[in-house]
Protein backbone atom coordinates (compact mmCIF):
# COMPACT_ATOMS: atom_id res chain seq x y z
CA MET A 1 -20.57 -25.88 -79.38
CA ASN A 2 -21.89 -22.04 -80.01
CA SER A 3 -19.57 -19.12 -80.23
CA SER A 4 -17.76 -17.30 -77.22
CA PHE A 5 -16.26 -14.01 -78.14
CA LYS A 6 -15.16 -12.53 -75.28
CA ASN A 7 -11.78 -12.04 -74.28
CA SER A 8 -11.31 -15.51 -72.70
CA ALA A 9 -7.60 -17.03 -73.21
CA VAL A 10 -5.93 -18.13 -70.37
CA LEU A 11 -3.18 -15.42 -69.26
CA HIS A 12 -5.30 -12.84 -70.60
CA ARG A 13 -6.68 -11.97 -67.27
CA LEU A 14 -2.84 -11.51 -65.46
CA PRO A 15 -2.13 -8.86 -63.79
CA SER A 16 -0.72 -6.05 -66.19
CA ALA A 17 2.94 -6.14 -64.67
CA LEU A 18 3.21 -9.62 -64.83
CA SER A 19 1.99 -9.41 -68.47
CA ALA A 20 4.62 -6.86 -69.03
CA GLN A 21 7.55 -9.02 -67.57
CA LEU A 22 6.06 -12.01 -69.53
CA PHE A 23 6.46 -10.33 -73.00
CA ARG A 24 9.43 -8.19 -72.30
CA SER A 25 11.38 -9.47 -75.04
CA ALA A 26 8.39 -10.40 -77.24
CA ALA A 27 9.06 -10.69 -81.03
CA PRO A 28 6.96 -8.57 -83.37
CA ARG A 29 4.73 -10.62 -85.58
CA ARG A 30 2.22 -9.21 -88.03
CA LEU A 31 -0.46 -10.79 -89.83
CA GLN A 32 -2.72 -9.87 -92.81
CA SER A 33 -6.67 -10.17 -93.07
CA GLY A 34 -7.52 -13.79 -93.37
CA GLU A 35 -3.69 -14.78 -92.98
CA ALA A 36 -3.60 -18.19 -90.21
CA LEU A 37 -1.19 -17.46 -86.99
CA PHE A 38 -1.49 -21.23 -86.26
CA VAL A 39 -3.41 -24.45 -87.76
CA THR A 40 -4.77 -26.96 -85.98
CA GLY A 41 -2.01 -30.10 -85.49
CA GLU A 42 0.87 -27.41 -85.55
CA PRO A 43 3.34 -28.00 -82.66
CA GLY A 44 2.84 -25.35 -79.61
CA ASP A 45 6.30 -23.07 -79.86
CA GLY A 46 4.67 -20.45 -77.87
CA CYS A 47 2.46 -17.98 -77.30
CA TYR A 48 1.02 -14.45 -78.71
CA ARG A 49 0.26 -11.33 -76.99
CA LEU A 50 -3.01 -9.54 -79.79
CA GLU A 51 -1.56 -6.03 -79.46
CA GLN A 52 -4.02 -4.51 -82.28
CA GLY A 53 -6.67 -6.08 -84.82
CA LEU A 54 -9.32 -9.13 -84.51
CA LEU A 55 -8.49 -12.90 -84.36
CA LYS A 56 -11.28 -15.84 -85.09
CA VAL A 57 -10.71 -19.23 -83.30
CA VAL A 58 -11.90 -21.98 -86.10
CA ILE A 59 -12.50 -25.80 -85.62
CA THR A 60 -12.97 -27.79 -88.97
CA SER A 61 -15.04 -31.08 -89.34
CA PRO A 62 -13.48 -34.18 -91.59
CA GLU A 63 -15.93 -33.22 -94.19
CA GLY A 64 -14.71 -28.85 -94.21
CA GLU A 65 -17.24 -27.69 -92.44
CA GLU A 66 -15.96 -24.76 -90.51
CA ARG A 67 -17.10 -23.56 -87.02
CA ILE A 68 -16.28 -20.21 -85.50
CA LEU A 69 -15.63 -21.07 -81.65
CA SER A 70 -14.43 -17.34 -80.65
CA MET A 71 -13.25 -13.95 -81.74
CA LEU A 72 -10.78 -12.35 -79.93
CA GLY A 73 -9.57 -8.70 -79.55
CA SER A 74 -6.98 -6.64 -78.42
CA GLY A 75 -5.25 -7.74 -75.31
CA THR A 76 -6.05 -11.31 -75.67
CA ILE A 77 -3.21 -14.02 -75.42
CA VAL A 78 -3.43 -17.04 -77.66
CA GLY A 79 -1.32 -20.12 -77.61
CA GLU A 80 -0.64 -20.82 -74.08
CA LEU A 81 -1.93 -23.90 -73.20
CA SER A 82 0.30 -25.88 -75.47
CA MET A 83 3.24 -24.56 -73.65
CA ILE A 84 1.93 -26.16 -70.50
CA ASP A 85 0.82 -29.32 -71.97
CA GLY A 86 3.27 -29.45 -74.91
CA LEU A 87 0.36 -30.88 -76.84
CA PRO A 88 -0.23 -29.54 -81.04
CA ARG A 89 -2.46 -26.73 -81.32
CA SER A 90 -6.18 -28.32 -81.33
CA SER A 91 -7.54 -25.44 -83.29
CA SER A 92 -6.84 -22.69 -85.62
CA ILE A 93 -6.48 -19.04 -85.44
CA PHE A 94 -6.98 -16.47 -88.34
CA ALA A 95 -6.47 -13.13 -88.42
CA VAL A 96 -10.27 -11.17 -89.06
CA ARG A 97 -8.13 -7.72 -89.57
CA ASP A 98 -4.97 -6.92 -89.99
CA CYS A 99 -3.29 -7.74 -86.80
CA THR A 100 -0.13 -6.99 -84.66
CA LEU A 101 1.34 -9.81 -82.29
CA SER A 102 4.20 -10.42 -79.63
CA PHE A 103 5.54 -13.60 -79.49
CA ILE A 104 7.21 -15.43 -76.68
CA SER A 105 8.60 -19.42 -77.00
CA ARG A 106 7.83 -22.46 -74.85
CA GLU A 107 11.80 -21.38 -73.27
CA GLU A 108 10.76 -17.71 -72.76
CA PHE A 109 7.50 -18.72 -70.67
CA ALA A 110 9.15 -21.71 -68.90
CA GLU A 111 12.14 -19.15 -67.84
CA CYS A 112 9.29 -16.39 -66.37
CA THR A 113 7.03 -18.70 -64.77
CA LYS A 114 10.13 -19.71 -62.76
CA GLN A 115 10.84 -16.48 -61.65
CA HIS A 116 7.71 -15.79 -61.25
CA PRO A 117 5.70 -19.26 -60.25
CA GLU A 118 2.50 -16.90 -58.91
CA ILE A 119 1.63 -16.80 -62.82
CA TYR A 120 0.17 -20.60 -62.08
CA ARG A 121 -2.60 -19.42 -59.38
CA TYR A 122 -4.29 -17.03 -62.23
CA LEU A 123 -3.71 -19.67 -64.62
CA ALA A 124 -6.04 -22.30 -62.16
CA ASN A 125 -8.42 -19.43 -61.96
CA VAL A 126 -8.95 -18.65 -65.52
CA LEU A 127 -8.76 -22.20 -66.63
CA ALA A 128 -12.69 -22.35 -64.27
CA GLY A 129 -13.47 -19.79 -66.23
CA ARG A 130 -13.20 -20.70 -69.44
CA LEU A 131 -14.62 -23.95 -68.19
CA ARG A 132 -17.82 -22.22 -67.19
CA GLU A 133 -17.49 -20.75 -70.75
CA THR A 134 -17.09 -24.16 -72.34
CA ASP A 135 -20.49 -25.39 -70.65
CA ALA A 136 -22.79 -22.26 -71.37
CA SER A 137 -21.24 -22.93 -75.28
CA VAL A 138 -22.66 -26.35 -74.74
CA ALA A 139 -26.05 -25.75 -73.36
CA ALA A 140 -26.41 -23.06 -76.29
CA ALA A 141 -26.03 -25.45 -78.98
CA SER A 142 -28.32 -28.43 -76.74
CA PHE A 143 -31.18 -25.88 -76.02
CA LEU A 144 -31.38 -22.51 -77.95
CA THR A 145 -33.30 -22.50 -80.93
CA VAL A 146 -31.81 -21.02 -83.97
CA LYS A 147 -33.20 -17.54 -83.41
CA GLU A 148 -32.19 -17.76 -80.09
CA ARG A 149 -28.27 -18.73 -81.44
CA LEU A 150 -28.28 -16.19 -83.85
CA ALA A 151 -29.26 -13.44 -80.86
CA ARG A 152 -26.50 -14.70 -78.97
CA ALA A 153 -24.05 -14.71 -81.26
CA LEU A 154 -25.52 -10.69 -82.79
CA LEU A 155 -25.18 -9.43 -79.02
CA GLU A 156 -21.80 -10.79 -78.40
CA LEU A 157 -20.48 -9.34 -81.53
CA GLY A 158 -21.94 -6.09 -80.83
CA GLU A 159 -20.01 -6.13 -77.41
CA LEU A 160 -16.79 -6.92 -79.02
CA LEU A 161 -17.06 -4.99 -82.38
CA GLY A 162 -20.02 -2.17 -81.95
CA GLU A 163 -20.17 1.16 -81.62
CA ALA A 164 -23.57 3.27 -80.34
CA ASP A 165 -24.96 6.28 -82.10
CA GLU A 166 -27.38 8.97 -80.81
CA ALA A 167 -30.19 6.89 -81.44
CA GLY A 168 -29.63 3.76 -79.18
CA ARG A 169 -28.32 1.67 -82.10
CA VAL A 170 -25.18 -0.66 -82.11
CA VAL A 171 -23.54 -0.63 -85.37
CA ILE A 172 -21.12 -3.66 -85.71
CA ARG A 173 -18.20 -2.39 -87.25
CA HIS A 174 -17.28 -5.10 -89.42
CA LYS A 175 -18.52 -6.46 -92.36
CA ILE A 176 -20.09 -10.14 -91.73
CA ASN A 177 -21.24 -12.54 -94.19
CA GLN A 178 -24.51 -14.57 -93.65
CA SER A 179 -22.24 -17.41 -93.89
CA ASP A 180 -19.39 -15.96 -91.19
CA LEU A 181 -22.41 -15.10 -89.19
CA ALA A 182 -24.06 -19.14 -89.22
CA ALA A 183 -20.43 -20.56 -88.79
CA LEU A 184 -20.71 -17.99 -85.39
CA ALA A 185 -23.82 -19.38 -84.12
CA GLY A 186 -23.48 -22.67 -85.43
CA VAL A 187 -26.45 -22.81 -87.59
CA ALA A 188 -27.08 -23.90 -91.30
CA ARG A 189 -26.44 -20.50 -93.72
CA GLU A 190 -30.40 -20.87 -94.80
CA ASN A 191 -31.68 -20.57 -91.39
CA VAL A 192 -29.74 -17.84 -91.00
CA SER A 193 -31.42 -16.18 -94.24
CA ARG A 194 -34.53 -17.28 -92.70
CA VAL A 195 -34.57 -15.25 -89.31
CA MET A 196 -32.76 -12.13 -91.14
CA SER A 197 -35.12 -11.84 -93.27
CA ASP A 198 -38.14 -11.34 -90.16
CA TRP A 199 -35.84 -9.30 -88.35
CA LYS A 200 -35.22 -6.99 -90.82
CA ARG A 201 -38.76 -6.76 -91.90
CA ARG A 202 -39.57 -6.12 -88.15
CA LYS A 203 -36.87 -3.82 -87.78
CA VAL A 204 -34.77 -5.66 -85.19
CA VAL A 205 -31.90 -5.97 -86.95
CA THR A 206 -30.82 -4.13 -90.36
CA GLN A 207 -27.96 -4.58 -92.72
CA SER A 208 -26.51 -1.51 -94.23
CA GLY A 209 -22.97 -1.18 -96.33
CA GLY A 210 -22.17 -4.49 -95.22
CA TYR A 211 -22.74 -4.06 -91.57
CA TYR A 212 -24.89 -5.06 -89.26
CA CYS A 213 -26.99 -2.31 -87.02
CA LEU A 214 -28.89 -3.95 -84.13
CA HIS A 215 -32.17 -1.73 -83.37
CA ALA A 216 -33.66 -3.60 -80.86
CA ARG A 217 -31.40 -5.57 -78.62
CA GLU A 218 -33.79 -5.46 -75.75
CA THR A 219 -35.87 -8.30 -77.99
CA LEU A 220 -32.73 -9.84 -78.44
CA LYS A 221 -32.23 -9.80 -74.88
CA ARG A 222 -35.59 -10.81 -73.79
CA SER A 223 -35.15 -14.15 -76.05
CA LEU A 224 -32.13 -15.58 -74.38
CA GLU A 225 -33.55 -14.88 -70.72
CA ILE A 226 -36.67 -17.23 -72.15
CA GLY A 227 -34.47 -19.58 -73.64
CA THR A 228 -31.22 -19.31 -71.96
CA PRO A 229 -30.68 -23.02 -69.91
CA ALA A 230 -28.72 -23.51 -66.58
CA PRO A 231 -25.20 -24.84 -68.15
CA PRO A 232 -24.60 -28.87 -68.00
CA ALA A 233 -22.13 -30.57 -66.14
CA PRO A 234 -18.74 -29.71 -67.02
CA SER A 235 -17.15 -30.85 -70.30
CA SER A 236 -13.90 -30.00 -71.74
CA ILE A 237 -11.35 -27.28 -72.28
CA ARG A 238 -10.01 -26.77 -75.60
CA ASN A 239 -6.31 -26.17 -76.19
CA TRP A 240 -6.04 -22.67 -78.18
């Protein structure tokens, strides 16, 4: 599955008043870059709101191959589905940057939803949105070429982490190596090297000081307009 970089966790779109009510008694939590928030198989004992920093959602194959499903920015709430279905975590969450979070337990969540049952209406709406995002990711992994997958990953990284300069270029203000980019796009590392070499030669994407710079976003976007298929029939929803 290809990755999605939007703040798509289920409770992220709660109105601010409800979100504030839900986290009014939250406990603070800090993570250093590279530290795990939770890992696959752990009990779902509560959920977190990311106040500051950057997280990544990761799954690992039996062979140890890592896939990055999503990058999550400030305001995202993660881990909430385990409180609803009672199942263990189905993926792992790691800090990409130093993070500050707020934590509430399953018991606190249950008590708040008793007082504010309208939370479940937002759950239903956003679960539908997550399913659509999952379908789009499945379609990308099934039909897009390596170059199109990398274009999609870089454009979405630019939206989440990018800063535009006076020349209209977007600098991704996070150092990403080719292994990370391969995991984000769901392609082999050697393919990343080949495509990036071509883009650097053509001044579509360059790299300076460890930061990628998108010089020709329209070129990247055009490849997706040509190659992106319609999403397939609904598939599964991942439990973060």
